[in-house]
C-alpha atoms as a PDB file:
ATOM      1  CA  UNK A   1     -19.924 -36.096   6.410  1.00  0.00           C
ATOM      2  CA  UNK A   2     -18.344 -33.930   9.294  1.00  0.00           C
ATOM      3  CA  UNK A   3     -19.758 -34.126  12.420  1.00  0.00           C
ATOM      4  CA  UNK A   4     -19.182 -32.285  15.390  1.00  0.00           C
ATOM      5  CA  UNK A   5     -17.955 -33.182  18.675  1.00  0.00           C
ATOM      6  CA  UNK A   6     -21.372 -32.465  21.179  1.00  0.00           C
ATOM      7  CA  UNK A   7     -21.593 -29.023  23.156  1.00  0.00           C
ATOM      8  CA  UNK A   8     -21.706 -28.486  26.377  1.00  0.00           C
ATOM      9  CA  UNK A   9     -23.290 -25.777  27.206  1.00  0.00           C
ATOM     10  CA  UNK A  10     -21.686 -22.987  30.053  1.00  0.00           C
ATOM     11  CA  UNK A  11     -23.251 -19.996  31.667  1.00  0.00           C
ATOM     12  CA  UNK A  12     -25.506 -16.748  30.083  1.00  0.00           C
ATOM     13  CA  UNK A  13     -26.227 -19.271  26.821  1.00  0.00           C
ATOM     14  CA  UNK A  14     -22.458 -19.949  25.674  1.00  0.00           C
ATOM     15  CA  UNK A  15     -21.222 -23.273  24.672  1.00  0.00           C
ATOM     16  CA  UNK A  16     -17.542 -24.499  24.527  1.00  0.00           C
ATOM     17  CA  UNK A  17     -16.397 -25.289  21.205  1.00  0.00           C
ATOM     18  CA  UNK A  18     -12.875 -26.216  22.379  1.00  0.00           C
ATOM     19  CA  UNK A  19     -13.739 -29.933  21.163  1.00  0.00           C
ATOM     20  CA  UNK A  20     -15.581 -28.921  18.027  1.00  0.00           C
ATOM     21  CA  UNK A  21     -12.637 -29.645  14.980  1.00  0.00           C
ATOM     22  CA  UNK A  22     -14.091 -27.059  13.007  1.00  0.00           C
ATOM     23  CA  UNK A  23     -13.488 -24.693  15.226  1.00  0.00           C
ATOM     24  CA  UNK A  24      -9.760 -22.971  14.620  1.00  0.00           C
ATOM     25  CA  UNK A  25      -8.387 -20.843  17.066  1.00  0.00           C
ATOM     26  CA  UNK A  26      -7.477 -17.621  16.290  1.00  0.00           C
ATOM     27  CA  UNK A  27      -3.224 -16.712  16.359  1.00  0.00           C
ATOM     28  CA  UNK A  28      -1.654 -13.689  17.585  1.00  0.00           C
ATOM     29  CA  UNK A  29      -1.607 -12.977  13.702  1.00  0.00           C
ATOM     30  CA  UNK A  30      -5.632 -12.963  13.479  1.00  0.00           C
ATOM     31  CA  UNK A  31      -5.848 -10.619  16.457  1.00  0.00           C
ATOM     32  CA  UNK A  32      -3.378  -8.188  15.309  1.00  0.00           C
ATOM     33  CA  UNK A  33      -5.008  -8.303  12.374  1.00  0.00           C
ATOM     34  CA  UNK A  34      -8.555  -8.099  13.274  1.00  0.00           C
ATOM     35  CA  UNK A  35      -7.714  -5.347  15.813  1.00  0.00           C
ATOM     36  CA  UNK A  36      -6.128  -3.137  13.224  1.00  0.00           C
ATOM     37  CA  UNK A  37      -9.274  -3.488  10.739  1.00  0.00           C
ATOM     38  CA  UNK A  38     -10.792  -2.548  13.530  1.00  0.00           C
ATOM     39  CA  UNK A  39      -9.369   0.623  14.268  1.00  0.00           C
ATOM     40  CA  UNK A  40      -8.958   1.377  10.276  1.00  0.00           C
ATOM     41  CA  UNK A  41     -12.657   0.355   9.707  1.00  0.00           C
ATOM     42  CA  UNK A  42     -13.838   2.867  13.106  1.00  0.00           C
ATOM     43  CA  UNK A  43     -11.989   5.891  10.575  1.00  0.00           C
ATOM     44  CA  UNK A  44     -14.041   4.862   7.769  1.00  0.00           C
ATOM     45  CA  UNK A  45     -12.034   3.229   5.761  1.00  0.00           C
ATOM     46  CA  UNK A  46     -11.578  -0.208   4.320  1.00  0.00           C
ATOM     47  CA  UNK A  47      -8.587  -2.239   3.945  1.00  0.00           C
ATOM     48  CA  UNK A  48      -8.310  -3.852   0.700  1.00  0.00           C
ATOM     49  CA  UNK A  49      -5.257  -6.225  -0.964  1.00  0.00           C
ATOM     50  CA  UNK A  50      -5.557  -8.037  -4.309  1.00  0.00           C
ATOM     51  CA  UNK A  51      -5.421 -11.889  -4.705  1.00  0.00           C
ATOM     52  CA  UNK A  52      -1.986 -12.370  -6.170  1.00  0.00           C
ATOM     53  CA  UNK A  53      -4.226 -14.881  -8.314  1.00  0.00           C
ATOM     54  CA  UNK A  54      -6.645 -13.865  -9.638  1.00  0.00           C
ATOM     55  CA  UNK A  55      -6.795 -10.163  -8.581  1.00  0.00           C
ATOM     56  CA  UNK A  56      -9.581 -10.116  -6.906  1.00  0.00           C
ATOM     57  CA  UNK A  57      -9.961  -7.724  -4.573  1.00  0.00           C
ATOM     58  CA  UNK A  58     -10.138  -8.463  -0.875  1.00  0.00           C
ATOM     59  CA  UNK A  59     -11.348  -7.650   2.696  1.00  0.00           C
ATOM     60  CA  UNK A  60     -12.256 -10.374   4.762  1.00  0.00           C
ATOM     61  CA  UNK A  61      -9.479 -10.815   7.383  1.00  0.00           C
ATOM     62  CA  UNK A  62      -8.379 -14.822   6.545  1.00  0.00           C
ATOM     63  CA  UNK A  63      -7.435 -13.588   3.009  1.00  0.00           C
ATOM     64  CA  UNK A  64      -5.411 -10.155   3.902  1.00  0.00           C
ATOM     65  CA  UNK A  65      -3.734 -12.414   6.158  1.00  0.00           C
ATOM     66  CA  UNK A  66      -2.807 -15.238   3.223  1.00  0.00           C
ATOM     67  CA  UNK A  67      -3.723 -12.383   0.175  1.00  0.00           C
ATOM     68  CA  UNK A  68      -5.235 -14.664  -2.108  1.00  0.00           C
ATOM     69  CA  UNK A  69      -9.242 -15.945  -1.870  1.00  0.00           C
ATOM     70  CA  UNK A  70     -11.366 -18.980  -0.364  1.00  0.00           C
ATOM     71  CA  UNK A  71     -11.386 -20.160  -3.956  1.00  0.00           C
ATOM     72  CA  UNK A  72      -7.653 -19.237  -4.869  1.00  0.00           C
ATOM     73  CA  UNK A  73      -6.742 -20.666  -2.295  1.00  0.00           C
ATOM     74  CA  UNK A  74      -8.435 -24.092  -2.308  1.00  0.00           C
ATOM     75  CA  UNK A  75      -7.182 -24.342  -5.839  1.00  0.00           C
ATOM     76  CA  UNK A  76      -3.457 -23.683  -4.793  1.00  0.00           C
ATOM     77  CA  UNK A  77      -3.580 -25.970  -1.584  1.00  0.00           C
ATOM     78  CA  UNK A  78      -3.427 -23.183   0.872  1.00  0.00           C
ATOM     79  CA  UNK A  79      -5.031 -23.669   4.658  1.00  0.00           C
ATOM     80  CA  UNK A  80      -6.726 -20.695   6.274  1.00  0.00           C
END
């Protein structure tokens, strides 16, 4: 089992997760996608693309970036 490194508590109840190997720091592209999705959702719309493997509609930012859902990405060996 993947054990997490101990977290140190910061002010206001937040925890420092920089040592936690399970935490992926968002890339600039991830932040751009999240900002674009927020604008679209605030306008009352929802962005969806089809999975390139199975054709299922995808709405998660990670899935939108890879054009594959989590199950298809795992089967294809794509790191999300």
